[in-house]
Amino acid sequence: MSSINNTIAGLELAQIGWVVPDIDAAVKFLASALGIAGFPQPQHIRAQDLSMTYYGKVIAGEWLTTQTYNGGAFIELIQPISGQSMFHDYLAKYPAGGTQHLAFRLPVSDFERVAGDLREQGYALISQVDHPIARMAFFDTYQTLGVATEIMGITPEGWSAIEQMQQPR
């Protein structure tokens, strides 16, 4: 059996996911203090609309999210609003917020191999979503890495969307 190090070693770091109690304050801080700009208006997301699972079941969960590209990786901000999700869990445990997940991307054709390898290593699947631009699976790697690990299997349509999102705003 391989280790998580071997599993993610060949993958590209795509995104840093921060869960925050106030998305507007986080955007303002990142822009003014760190010069990280380009966050679009936050979007209201409902887990049910994405058929996003939480420990195997689609349940009510809502949050605001926005992301920007910052020279090598996307920075995603997530503010839980209502219901239940891994983002709500994180904010309940860490009320000030923080880095909740790191996302690694690969072609969708390799998604099952990598996700299966993490499951085989004993990492629990927290959440999963099949979206037209990517298949995404979040694994509980908190004890090993201090954050959750997201595996993003990017579809051909997804690579085009990523290219557009990387353009300066």
Protein backbone atom coordinates (compact mmCIF):
# COMPACT_ATOMS: atom_id res chain seq x y z
CA MET A 1 0.00 0.00 0.00
CA SER A 2 1.26 3.48 -0.81
CA SER A 3 1.27 6.38 1.63
CA ILE A 4 -0.52 9.69 1.32
CA ASN A 5 2.85 11.22 0.44
CA ASN A 6 3.13 8.97 -2.62
CA THR A 7 -0.52 9.49 -3.53
CA ILE A 8 -0.44 13.29 -3.68
CA ALA A 9 3.22 13.69 -4.70
CA GLY A 10 2.44 13.82 -8.42
CA LEU A 11 -0.60 16.05 -8.12
CA GLU A 12 -0.75 19.79 -8.62
CA LEU A 13 -1.66 22.00 -5.67
CA ALA A 14 -4.68 23.85 -7.01
CA GLN A 15 -6.36 25.59 -4.12
CA ILE A 16 -6.09 26.67 -0.50
CA GLY A 17 -9.51 26.65 1.19
CA TRP A 18 -10.07 28.98 4.14
CA VAL A 19 -13.20 28.78 6.24
CA VAL A 20 -13.97 32.17 7.75
CA PRO A 21 -16.67 33.63 10.03
CA ASP A 22 -17.02 36.79 7.88
CA ILE A 23 -16.22 36.50 4.18
CA ASP A 24 -16.37 40.26 3.54
CA ALA A 25 -13.87 40.98 6.34
CA ALA A 26 -11.57 38.24 5.00
CA VAL A 27 -11.68 39.65 1.44
CA LYS A 28 -10.98 43.15 2.77
CA PHE A 29 -8.04 41.94 4.88
CA LEU A 30 -6.48 39.87 2.11
CA ALA A 31 -6.72 42.80 -0.32
CA SER A 32 -5.49 45.55 2.01
CA ALA A 33 -2.91 43.72 4.13
CA LEU A 34 -1.59 41.14 1.69
CA GLY A 35 -2.41 42.62 -1.73
CA ILE A 36 -4.48 39.58 -2.73
CA ALA A 37 -7.22 41.05 -4.88
CA GLY A 38 -9.66 39.90 -7.53
CA PHE A 39 -12.22 38.13 -5.37
CA PRO A 40 -15.59 38.24 -7.14
CA GLN A 41 -18.80 38.86 -5.21
CA PRO A 42 -19.41 35.85 -2.93
CA GLN A 43 -21.84 33.25 -4.24
CA HIS A 44 -24.52 31.58 -2.14
CA ILE A 45 -24.06 27.80 -2.40
CA ARG A 46 -26.52 25.09 -1.32
CA ALA A 47 -25.16 21.58 -0.92
CA GLN A 48 -28.48 20.15 -2.13
CA ASP A 49 -28.16 22.03 -5.46
CA LEU A 50 -24.83 20.29 -6.07
CA SER A 51 -25.96 16.93 -4.67
CA MET A 52 -22.93 17.33 -2.41
CA THR A 53 -22.65 14.55 0.10
CA TYR A 54 -21.65 14.87 3.73
CA TYR A 55 -20.58 11.49 5.11
CA GLY A 56 -22.52 9.79 2.32
CA LYS A 57 -25.78 11.74 2.50
CA VAL A 58 -27.00 14.89 0.80
CA ILE A 59 -28.13 17.17 3.63
CA ALA A 60 -29.02 20.83 4.00
CA GLY A 61 -25.94 23.01 4.11
CA GLU A 62 -25.45 26.55 2.85
CA TRP A 63 -22.43 28.81 2.63
CA LEU A 64 -20.98 31.80 0.82
CA THR A 65 -17.87 31.30 -1.26
CA THR A 66 -15.51 33.28 -3.45
CA GLN A 67 -12.10 32.55 -4.88
CA THR A 68 -9.30 34.24 -6.74
CA TYR A 69 -6.19 33.04 -8.52
CA ASN A 70 -2.97 34.14 -6.88
CA GLY A 71 -0.04 33.18 -9.07
CA GLY A 72 0.02 29.42 -8.71
CA ALA A 73 -3.03 28.44 -6.71
CA PHE A 74 -6.57 29.57 -6.09
CA ILE A 75 -7.49 31.01 -2.72
CA GLU A 76 -11.04 30.04 -1.77
CA LEU A 77 -12.94 31.63 1.09
CA ILE A 78 -15.96 29.87 2.59
CA GLN A 79 -18.39 31.29 5.15
CA PRO A 80 -20.87 28.74 6.51
CA ILE A 81 -24.41 30.13 6.78
CA SER A 82 -26.80 27.35 7.80
CA GLY A 83 -27.26 23.62 7.98
CA GLN A 84 -24.38 21.18 8.19
CA SER A 85 -21.21 20.54 6.21
CA MET A 86 -17.51 20.02 6.73
CA PHE A 87 -17.19 23.82 6.60
CA HIS A 88 -19.68 24.22 9.46
CA ASP A 89 -17.79 21.55 11.42
CA TYR A 90 -14.52 23.40 10.94
CA LEU A 91 -15.88 26.78 12.05
CA ALA A 92 -17.54 25.17 15.09
CA LYS A 93 -14.16 23.73 16.11
CA TYR A 94 -12.15 26.85 15.15
CA PRO A 95 -14.45 29.90 15.55
CA ALA A 96 -11.80 32.29 14.23
CA GLY A 97 -11.55 30.24 11.02
CA GLY A 98 -8.45 29.07 9.20
CA THR A 99 -7.09 26.87 6.45
CA GLN A 100 -9.56 24.00 6.21
CA HIS A 101 -8.42 22.18 3.07
CA LEU A 102 -5.80 21.91 0.36
CA ALA A 103 -7.02 20.89 -3.07
CA PHE A 104 -4.97 18.92 -5.56
CA ARG A 105 -6.04 18.60 -9.18
CA LEU A 106 -5.58 16.04 -11.91
CA PRO A 107 -7.43 14.96 -15.04
CA VAL A 108 -10.81 13.40 -14.26
CA SER A 109 -9.59 10.14 -15.84
CA ASP A 110 -7.25 9.66 -12.85
CA PHE A 111 -9.77 10.71 -10.17
CA GLU A 112 -10.98 7.22 -9.16
CA ARG A 113 -7.44 5.85 -8.93
CA VAL A 114 -6.30 8.61 -6.55
CA ALA A 115 -9.53 8.78 -4.53
CA GLY A 116 -9.54 4.98 -4.26
CA ASP A 117 -5.93 5.00 -3.08
CA LEU A 118 -6.79 7.44 -0.27
CA ARG A 119 -9.81 5.34 0.75
CA GLU A 120 -7.62 2.23 0.73
CA GLN A 121 -5.18 4.00 3.05
CA GLY A 122 -8.03 4.50 5.53
CA TYR A 123 -8.83 8.17 4.98
CA ALA A 124 -12.54 8.78 5.46
CA LEU A 125 -14.49 10.49 2.71
CA ILE A 126 -16.10 13.57 4.26
CA SER A 127 -17.79 15.08 1.23
CA GLN A 128 -18.12 14.49 -2.50
CA VAL A 129 -19.64 16.26 -5.49
CA ASP A 130 -19.83 15.53 -9.20
CA HIS A 131 -19.90 18.82 -11.07
CA PRO A 132 -19.72 19.37 -14.84
CA ILE A 133 -16.25 20.91 -14.45
CA ALA A 134 -14.84 18.53 -11.83
CA ARG A 135 -15.38 15.55 -9.58
CA MET A 136 -14.38 16.55 -6.07
CA ALA A 137 -13.77 14.44 -2.99
CA PHE A 138 -12.75 15.74 0.43
CA PHE A 139 -10.85 13.34 2.68
CA ASP A 140 -10.27 13.52 6.43
CA THR A 141 -6.50 13.97 6.53
CA TYR A 142 -6.59 16.23 9.59
CA GLN A 143 -4.48 13.88 11.75
CA THR A 144 -1.87 13.43 9.03
CA LEU A 145 -1.72 16.89 7.42
CA GLY A 146 -3.64 19.21 9.76
CA VAL A 147 -6.16 19.97 7.00
CA ALA A 148 -8.66 18.10 4.84
CA THR A 149 -7.47 17.03 1.40
CA GLU A 150 -9.59 17.72 -1.66
CA ILE A 151 -8.97 15.73 -4.83
CA MET A 152 -10.28 17.51 -7.93
CA GLY A 153 -10.70 15.47 -11.11
CA ILE A 154 -10.95 18.18 -13.76
CA THR A 155 -13.11 17.53 -16.83
CA PRO A 156 -12.23 18.93 -20.28
CA GLU A 157 -14.80 21.69 -19.67
CA GLY A 158 -13.18 22.31 -16.31
CA TRP A 159 -9.73 22.98 -17.78
CA SER A 160 -11.29 25.72 -19.93
CA ALA A 161 -13.04 27.20 -16.89
CA ILE A 162 -9.77 27.17 -14.93
CA GLU A 163 -7.98 29.02 -17.73
CA GLN A 164 -10.68 31.70 -17.69
CA MET A 165 -10.55 31.99 -13.90
CA GLN A 166 -6.78 32.47 -13.99
CA GLN A 167 -7.08 35.57 -16.18
CA PRO A 168 -6.61 38.88 -14.36
CA ARG A 169 -9.88 40.59 -13.45
